Amino acid sequence: IGGVSKEWSISSAYYARYNAVYSLLMKCGIESEIHDCTLAIFRFLFRQEFEEDVFEEVEAVKEQRINTQYYTDRNLNNKKYQAIVKGTPDFILKIESFIINLTKDQIEEIRKKLKKLIEK
């Protein structure tokens, strides 16, 4: 969009979403350096708070980033490309709004949920 390559736009769209998710986890005191783990933890801990399409969206954009960056034979149609790029601000605002409204009690419950999973 605006003279920027599709590869760059898709990569930026993914990392914007990923960093929003990562910020949410960090707000809860959870650090995860591996993208697949970060997204899995996000889904596990927040599946009651977000609709399934939120998780599917970030995972689909991750897949598109991989396809556009590493595979020259995998084309992304313009409609899908536009949807990914234009959907980025809404995704970020959704996560940011959740972070802003997160209480200490909720953070405590989230951490307990993760601790219980780790102890299994």
Foldseek 3Di string as FASTA:
>chain_A
DVPDDLLVLLVVLLVLLQVLLQVLCVLLVHHDDDSVVSLVLSCQLCVVPDPPVLSVLSVVSVVVNCCSPPPPVDDDDPVVSCCSNVCSVVSSVVSVVCSVPDDPVSSVVSVVSVVVVVVD
